[in-house]
Amino acid sequence: MLLGGCTSVGAPEPASASDPAVDAAVADLPAVAVTVPQFRHILTEAVATIDEADQKRDASLAAERLAGPALAERTAFYTAVSRDSSIEAPHPIPDDNVRIMVPEQRDSWPRTVFAVVQSNDATDPYFGLVLIQDTPRDNYLVHYAVQLEPEADIPGLAPPSIGSPRVAADNKLGVVAPEELADDYGDLLINGEDSPAYDLFDPENDTLRTAIGQQAKNDQRAKLPSTASLVFSHQQGDGEVVSFGTVDGGQLVATQLYDIETIRPAEQGAAINPSGAVAALSGKTQTTSGIVATYGVQLLFYLPPGADEKAQVQLLGFSQGLISATE
């Protein structure tokens, strides 16, 4: 992963001659949400609780340190694996190395922190995390935990001692509003080159587009017998859209997409036979009505500034998992 544009945790911040005007401007900035040592302690405690919840398959325990899209993915997994032990678990969240930490520039609540973390095993992926603390008495909860793309180019971010203000989800500073990214990307996954959003997103290093994009969906349809029909749809997820400003005027955006599959019998008397996590979550191994399966997709994007109309949105990381399946 390319981290050259970032100010990493532990790296010395640029020294400069004292400038009273600059010193005064910095002094007027809001305090940062957390310091680096505070964040390391928060992350260690959070990961320990999440690891214990994973071992016990305990959604209530997980909710002590997870929320939003990250909790929905874990909760659905606990339910599914209790019925089918072969279902693959989400990747553990590492806490060994904090590579980047950007706290929100805010002296009130709620407070948000973005971080890039990695385990001591150099072959393990980097993870991008978004944590939010609702009140001074609440724990910081992990709302987003995405595996970063192998060639993700994280944009330049403010150093931990200064932090970055959160930007409203409906702001018009970028080539598109952050709150529109999930819907646009979902349309791209289904419609490919026919999507109005096709040119908005950079295809390079986007492994999710290969995994669940238009061609993958067409391949999925082709494998079905003639007695079944499969329809794909999408919608904005319920997760809070989180946007941090970058030093180049762009934004780092975490958002959630619901990628939805609806499969129905195409002939009178035909039946659908769900398998794997879909069967486990729905509790159905056969149905004559059909199944709606909803996958929660956590997304991390770099949103370039609107001044560069030709710039494309880059997918930096994602996590995808089945969160519901119903007859």
Protein backbone atom coordinates (compact mmCIF):
# COMPACT_ATOMS: atom_id res chain seq x y z
CA MET A 1 0.00 0.00 0.00
CA LEU A 2 1.26 3.44 -0.88
CA LEU A 3 1.44 5.76 2.11
CA GLY A 4 3.77 8.39 0.72
CA GLY A 5 1.20 11.17 0.73
CA CYS A 6 0.29 10.77 4.39
CA THR A 7 1.61 11.95 7.71
CA SER A 8 2.09 8.66 9.51
CA VAL A 9 1.87 8.16 13.25
CA GLY A 10 5.25 8.59 14.89
CA ALA A 11 6.73 10.53 11.97
CA PRO A 12 8.21 13.90 12.92
CA GLU A 13 6.10 16.82 11.83
CA PRO A 14 7.74 19.46 9.63
CA ALA A 15 9.73 22.02 11.60
CA SER A 16 9.50 25.71 10.70
CA ALA A 17 10.66 29.04 11.97
CA SER A 18 8.31 30.61 14.50
CA ASP A 19 5.64 32.68 12.80
CA PRO A 20 3.33 34.55 15.19
CA ALA A 21 0.48 34.57 12.65
CA VAL A 22 0.72 30.81 12.10
CA ASP A 23 1.08 30.14 15.83
CA ALA A 24 -2.06 32.20 16.51
CA ALA A 25 -4.01 30.41 13.78
CA VAL A 26 -3.06 26.98 15.13
CA ALA A 27 -3.91 28.07 18.67
CA ASP A 28 -7.41 29.02 17.51
CA LEU A 29 -8.09 25.55 16.07
CA PRO A 30 -10.39 23.22 18.05
CA ALA A 31 -8.66 20.55 20.10
CA VAL A 32 -8.24 17.17 18.46
CA ALA A 33 -10.58 14.33 19.44
CA VAL A 34 -7.78 12.10 20.77
CA THR A 35 -4.00 12.02 20.97
CA VAL A 36 -1.92 9.19 19.53
CA PRO A 37 -1.32 7.48 22.93
CA GLN A 38 -5.01 7.76 23.76
CA PHE A 39 -5.97 6.22 20.44
CA ARG A 40 -3.55 3.30 20.83
CA HIS A 41 -5.20 2.52 24.19
CA ILE A 42 -8.71 2.85 22.71
CA LEU A 43 -7.84 0.55 19.79
CA THR A 44 -6.24 -2.11 21.99
CA GLU A 45 -9.29 -2.28 24.25
CA ALA A 46 -11.73 -2.26 21.34
CA VAL A 47 -9.97 -5.05 19.45
CA ALA A 48 -9.71 -7.19 22.59
CA THR A 49 -13.48 -6.95 23.09
CA ILE A 50 -14.24 -7.63 19.41
CA ASP A 51 -11.91 -10.66 19.40
CA GLU A 52 -13.67 -12.04 22.48
CA ALA A 53 -17.05 -11.46 20.86
CA ASP A 54 -15.84 -13.31 17.74
CA GLN A 55 -14.77 -16.28 19.85
CA LYS A 56 -18.06 -16.39 21.76
CA ARG A 57 -20.25 -15.39 18.76
CA ASP A 58 -21.74 -12.80 21.11
CA ALA A 59 -23.48 -9.90 19.33
CA SER A 60 -24.22 -8.07 22.59
CA LEU A 61 -20.56 -8.10 23.51
CA ALA A 62 -19.58 -6.99 20.01
CA ALA A 63 -21.98 -4.03 20.33
CA GLU A 64 -19.83 -2.71 23.17
CA ARG A 65 -17.17 -1.81 20.59
CA LEU A 66 -18.87 -2.03 17.17
CA ALA A 67 -21.72 -0.07 15.62
CA GLY A 68 -23.30 0.65 12.25
CA PRO A 69 -22.07 -1.31 9.21
CA ALA A 70 -19.26 -3.08 11.10
CA LEU A 71 -21.67 -4.39 13.75
CA ALA A 72 -24.27 -5.46 11.17
CA GLU A 73 -21.68 -7.60 9.37
CA ARG A 74 -20.47 -9.24 12.60
CA THR A 75 -23.99 -9.84 13.95
CA ALA A 76 -25.15 -11.57 10.76
CA PHE A 77 -22.04 -13.75 10.77
CA TYR A 78 -22.66 -14.88 14.36
CA THR A 79 -26.20 -15.93 13.45
CA ALA A 80 -25.17 -17.71 10.26
CA VAL A 81 -22.18 -19.57 11.74
CA SER A 82 -24.33 -20.86 14.62
CA ARG A 83 -26.28 -22.78 11.95
CA ASP A 84 -23.43 -23.59 9.57
CA SER A 85 -19.93 -23.82 11.03
CA SER A 86 -18.31 -23.81 7.57
CA ILE A 87 -19.11 -20.13 6.94
CA GLU A 88 -15.98 -18.02 6.72
CA ALA A 89 -15.43 -15.48 9.51
CA PRO A 90 -14.67 -11.80 8.92
CA HIS A 91 -10.97 -10.93 9.09
CA PRO A 92 -9.86 -9.97 12.62
CA ILE A 93 -9.21 -6.25 13.13
CA PRO A 94 -5.47 -5.75 13.80
CA ASP A 95 -4.11 -3.43 16.49
CA ASP A 96 -0.36 -4.08 16.43
CA ASN A 97 0.66 -1.10 14.31
CA VAL A 98 -1.13 2.21 13.89
CA ARG A 99 0.19 3.48 10.57
CA ILE A 100 -2.03 6.56 10.26
CA MET A 101 -4.31 8.26 12.78
CA VAL A 102 -6.34 11.36 11.99
CA PRO A 103 -8.60 12.61 14.79
CA GLU A 104 -11.48 14.94 14.14
CA GLN A 105 -10.67 18.58 14.87
CA ARG A 106 -13.46 19.01 17.39
CA ASP A 107 -13.86 19.98 21.05
CA SER A 108 -17.45 18.73 21.42
CA TRP A 109 -19.32 15.49 20.68
CA PRO A 110 -19.82 13.26 18.76
CA ARG A 111 -16.15 12.79 17.83
CA THR A 112 -14.67 10.77 14.98
CA VAL A 113 -11.26 9.23 14.25
CA PHE A 114 -9.90 7.69 11.05
CA ALA A 115 -6.97 5.27 11.22
CA VAL A 116 -4.97 2.82 9.14
CA VAL A 117 -3.78 -0.21 11.13
CA GLN A 118 -1.86 -3.42 10.44
CA SER A 119 -0.81 -6.57 12.28
CA ASN A 120 2.80 -7.56 12.87
CA ASP A 121 2.49 -10.06 10.02
CA ALA A 122 3.64 -8.08 6.97
CA THR A 123 1.60 -10.35 4.69
CA ASP A 124 -1.66 -9.30 6.38
CA PRO A 125 -3.70 -6.51 4.79
CA TYR A 126 -3.91 -2.95 6.03
CA PHE A 127 -7.28 -1.94 7.50
CA GLY A 128 -8.98 1.44 7.41
CA LEU A 129 -11.06 2.15 10.52
CA VAL A 130 -13.61 4.82 11.41
CA LEU A 131 -14.41 5.14 15.11
CA ILE A 132 -17.05 7.44 16.64
CA GLN A 133 -17.63 8.48 20.26
CA ASP A 134 -21.17 9.81 20.76
CA THR A 135 -20.77 11.35 24.23
CA PRO A 136 -17.92 11.80 26.76
CA ARG A 137 -19.26 8.79 28.68
CA ASP A 138 -19.42 6.44 25.68
CA ASN A 139 -16.74 4.17 24.27
CA TYR A 140 -15.36 4.85 20.83
CA LEU A 141 -17.14 2.38 18.55
CA VAL A 142 -15.83 1.01 15.26
CA HIS A 143 -18.39 1.91 12.59
CA TYR A 144 -16.29 0.96 9.56
CA ALA A 145 -13.52 -1.66 9.27
CA VAL A 146 -12.44 -2.09 5.66
CA GLN A 147 -9.58 -4.05 4.14
CA LEU A 148 -7.55 -1.68 2.00
CA GLU A 149 -6.86 -2.45 -1.63
CA PRO A 150 -3.30 -3.76 -2.20
CA GLU A 151 -2.32 -0.66 -4.19
CA ALA A 152 -4.44 1.85 -2.28
CA ASP A 153 -2.97 5.34 -2.47
CA ILE A 154 -4.06 7.07 0.73
CA PRO A 155 -4.24 10.84 0.18
CA GLY A 156 -2.30 13.36 2.24
CA LEU A 157 -3.91 13.89 5.64
CA ALA A 158 -3.30 16.31 8.49
CA PRO A 159 -0.91 15.22 11.28
CA PRO A 160 -2.45 13.77 14.47
CA SER A 161 -1.63 16.88 16.53
CA ILE A 162 -3.76 19.08 14.25
CA GLY A 163 -6.45 16.68 13.04
CA SER A 164 -9.04 17.30 10.39
CA PRO A 165 -12.60 18.64 10.51
CA ARG A 166 -15.39 16.36 9.36
CA VAL A 167 -17.21 17.59 6.27
CA ALA A 168 -21.00 17.40 5.87
CA ALA A 169 -22.17 14.41 3.82
CA ASP A 170 -24.12 16.66 1.44
CA ASN A 171 -21.24 19.06 0.71
CA LYS A 172 -20.56 20.06 -2.91
CA LEU A 173 -16.79 20.44 -2.59
CA GLY A 174 -15.95 17.29 -4.54
CA VAL A 175 -16.81 15.95 -7.97
CA VAL A 176 -19.94 14.52 -6.32
CA ALA A 177 -21.47 14.80 -2.83
CA PRO A 178 -20.21 12.12 -0.39
CA GLU A 179 -23.78 11.00 0.33
CA GLU A 180 -24.23 10.10 -3.35
CA LEU A 181 -21.18 7.84 -3.66
CA ALA A 182 -22.78 4.58 -2.48
CA ASP A 183 -25.77 4.92 -4.79
CA ASP A 184 -23.59 5.85 -7.78
CA TYR A 185 -21.17 3.00 -7.14
CA GLY A 186 -24.03 0.52 -6.67
CA ASP A 187 -25.46 1.54 -10.06
CA LEU A 188 -22.01 1.04 -11.61
CA LEU A 189 -21.75 -2.49 -10.16
CA ILE A 190 -25.07 -3.49 -11.73
CA ASN A 191 -25.02 -1.62 -15.05
CA GLY A 192 -21.31 -1.35 -15.88
CA GLU A 193 -20.59 0.88 -18.87
CA ASP A 194 -24.30 1.71 -19.18
CA SER A 195 -24.27 3.39 -15.78
CA PRO A 196 -24.26 7.23 -15.74
CA ALA A 197 -21.63 6.89 -13.00
CA TYR A 198 -19.27 4.74 -15.09
CA ASP A 199 -16.71 7.51 -15.73
CA LEU A 200 -16.96 8.83 -12.17
CA PHE A 201 -14.97 5.93 -10.66
CA ASP A 202 -11.40 4.90 -11.40
CA PRO A 203 -11.36 1.20 -12.44
CA GLU A 204 -7.67 0.74 -11.61
CA ASN A 205 -7.01 -1.37 -8.49
CA ASP A 206 -10.76 -1.82 -7.93
CA THR A 207 -10.97 -5.52 -7.05
CA LEU A 208 -14.54 -5.20 -5.74
CA ARG A 209 -15.77 -4.27 -9.22
CA THR A 210 -14.25 -7.51 -10.49
CA ALA A 211 -15.71 -9.55 -7.63
CA ILE A 212 -19.34 -8.33 -7.65
CA GLY A 213 -19.60 -6.03 -10.68
CA GLN A 214 -21.70 -6.40 -13.82
CA GLN A 215 -19.72 -9.28 -15.34
CA ALA A 216 -19.74 -11.24 -12.07
CA LYS A 217 -23.48 -10.70 -11.76
CA ASN A 218 -24.06 -11.86 -15.34
CA ASP A 219 -21.96 -14.96 -14.63
CA GLN A 220 -24.09 -15.62 -11.55
CA ARG A 221 -27.28 -15.44 -13.61
CA ALA A 222 -25.83 -17.76 -16.26
CA LYS A 223 -25.28 -20.50 -13.67
CA LEU A 224 -28.96 -20.60 -12.71
CA PRO A 225 -31.33 -23.17 -14.18
CA SER A 226 -34.10 -21.89 -16.44
CA THR A 227 -36.57 -22.47 -13.60
CA ALA A 228 -35.16 -19.51 -11.60
CA SER A 229 -34.77 -15.77 -12.15
CA LEU A 230 -32.27 -13.45 -10.43
CA VAL A 231 -32.63 -9.68 -10.12
CA PHE A 232 -30.00 -7.34 -8.68
CA SER A 233 -30.74 -4.02 -7.03
CA HIS A 234 -28.98 -1.61 -4.69
CA GLN A 235 -29.64 1.16 -2.21
CA GLN A 236 -27.81 3.48 0.16
CA GLY A 237 -27.00 1.67 3.39
CA ASP A 238 -28.05 2.86 6.84
CA GLY A 239 -24.46 3.52 7.91
CA GLU A 240 -23.47 7.08 8.73
CA VAL A 241 -21.58 8.74 5.87
CA VAL A 242 -18.24 9.98 7.26
CA SER A 243 -16.11 12.45 5.31
CA PHE A 244 -12.70 13.87 6.30
CA GLY A 245 -10.92 16.62 4.40
CA THR A 246 -7.54 15.85 2.81
CA VAL A 247 -4.66 18.29 2.36
CA ASP A 248 -5.27 18.59 -1.40
CA GLY A 249 -8.86 19.74 -0.94
CA GLY A 250 -10.32 16.29 -1.52
CA GLN A 251 -12.13 14.03 0.93
CA LEU A 252 -11.76 10.60 2.47
CA VAL A 253 -15.28 9.12 2.58
CA ALA A 254 -16.60 6.04 4.40
CA THR A 255 -20.09 4.95 3.36
CA GLN A 256 -22.29 1.85 3.09
CA LEU A 257 -24.03 0.18 0.16
CA TYR A 258 -26.70 -2.51 0.20
CA ASP A 259 -26.13 -4.92 -2.71
CA ILE A 260 -29.38 -6.91 -3.03
CA GLU A 261 -30.11 -10.20 -4.81
CA THR A 262 -33.70 -11.38 -5.35
CA ILE A 263 -34.10 -14.91 -6.68
CA ARG A 264 -37.50 -16.36 -7.55
CA PRO A 265 -38.88 -19.48 -9.23
CA ALA A 266 -39.57 -18.75 -12.89
CA GLU A 267 -42.05 -21.60 -13.40
CA GLN A 268 -45.13 -22.89 -11.62
CA GLY A 269 -44.17 -25.58 -9.13
CA ALA A 270 -40.45 -24.79 -9.23
CA ALA A 271 -38.47 -24.25 -6.00
CA ILE A 272 -35.34 -22.36 -4.95
CA ASN A 273 -32.70 -24.21 -2.89
CA PRO A 274 -30.59 -21.69 -0.91
CA SER A 275 -27.17 -22.75 0.37
CA GLY A 276 -24.32 -21.46 2.51
CA ALA A 277 -24.82 -18.24 4.46
CA VAL A 278 -28.08 -17.48 2.63
CA ALA A 279 -29.59 -20.76 3.81
CA ALA A 280 -28.20 -20.24 7.32
CA LEU A 281 -29.57 -16.70 7.71
CA SER A 282 -32.91 -17.35 6.04
CA GLY A 283 -33.44 -20.68 7.76
CA LYS A 284 -34.59 -22.08 4.40
CA THR A 285 -33.08 -24.89 2.36
CA GLN A 286 -35.98 -24.81 -0.09
CA THR A 287 -38.66 -22.25 -0.96
CA THR A 288 -41.29 -21.85 -3.65
CA SER A 289 -41.53 -18.10 -2.90
CA GLY A 290 -37.96 -16.99 -3.43
CA ILE A 291 -35.23 -15.32 -1.36
CA VAL A 292 -34.05 -11.73 -0.90
CA ALA A 293 -30.38 -11.62 0.16
CA THR A 294 -28.87 -8.28 1.22
CA TYR A 295 -25.12 -7.81 1.34
CA GLY A 296 -23.74 -4.92 3.37
CA VAL A 297 -20.76 -3.35 1.61
CA GLN A 298 -18.55 -1.00 3.61
CA LEU A 299 -16.73 1.36 1.24
CA LEU A 300 -13.81 3.75 1.65
CA PHE A 301 -13.30 6.25 -1.18
CA TYR A 302 -10.97 9.09 -2.05
CA LEU A 303 -13.18 11.87 -3.42
CA PRO A 304 -11.15 14.41 -5.43
CA PRO A 305 -11.92 18.14 -5.26
CA GLY A 306 -14.58 19.45 -7.62
CA ALA A 307 -12.14 21.86 -9.29
CA ASP A 308 -10.67 18.89 -11.18
CA GLU A 309 -13.67 17.79 -13.24
CA LYS A 310 -11.73 14.97 -14.93
CA ALA A 311 -10.51 13.43 -11.67
CA GLN A 312 -12.04 10.08 -10.75
CA VAL A 313 -13.17 8.74 -7.40
CA GLN A 314 -10.87 5.97 -6.14
CA LEU A 315 -11.97 2.95 -4.14
CA LEU A 316 -9.42 2.59 -1.33
CA GLY A 317 -10.94 -0.33 0.52
CA PHE A 318 -14.06 -2.36 1.28
CA SER A 319 -15.63 -5.09 3.36
CA GLN A 320 -18.56 -7.11 2.05
CA GLY A 321 -20.75 -9.58 3.89
CA LEU A 322 -24.28 -10.98 3.91
CA ILE A 323 -26.33 -9.11 6.53
CA SER A 324 -29.84 -10.50 5.88
CA ALA A 325 -31.65 -13.22 3.93
CA THR A 326 -35.41 -13.62 4.01
CA GLU A 327 -38.03 -15.66 2.16
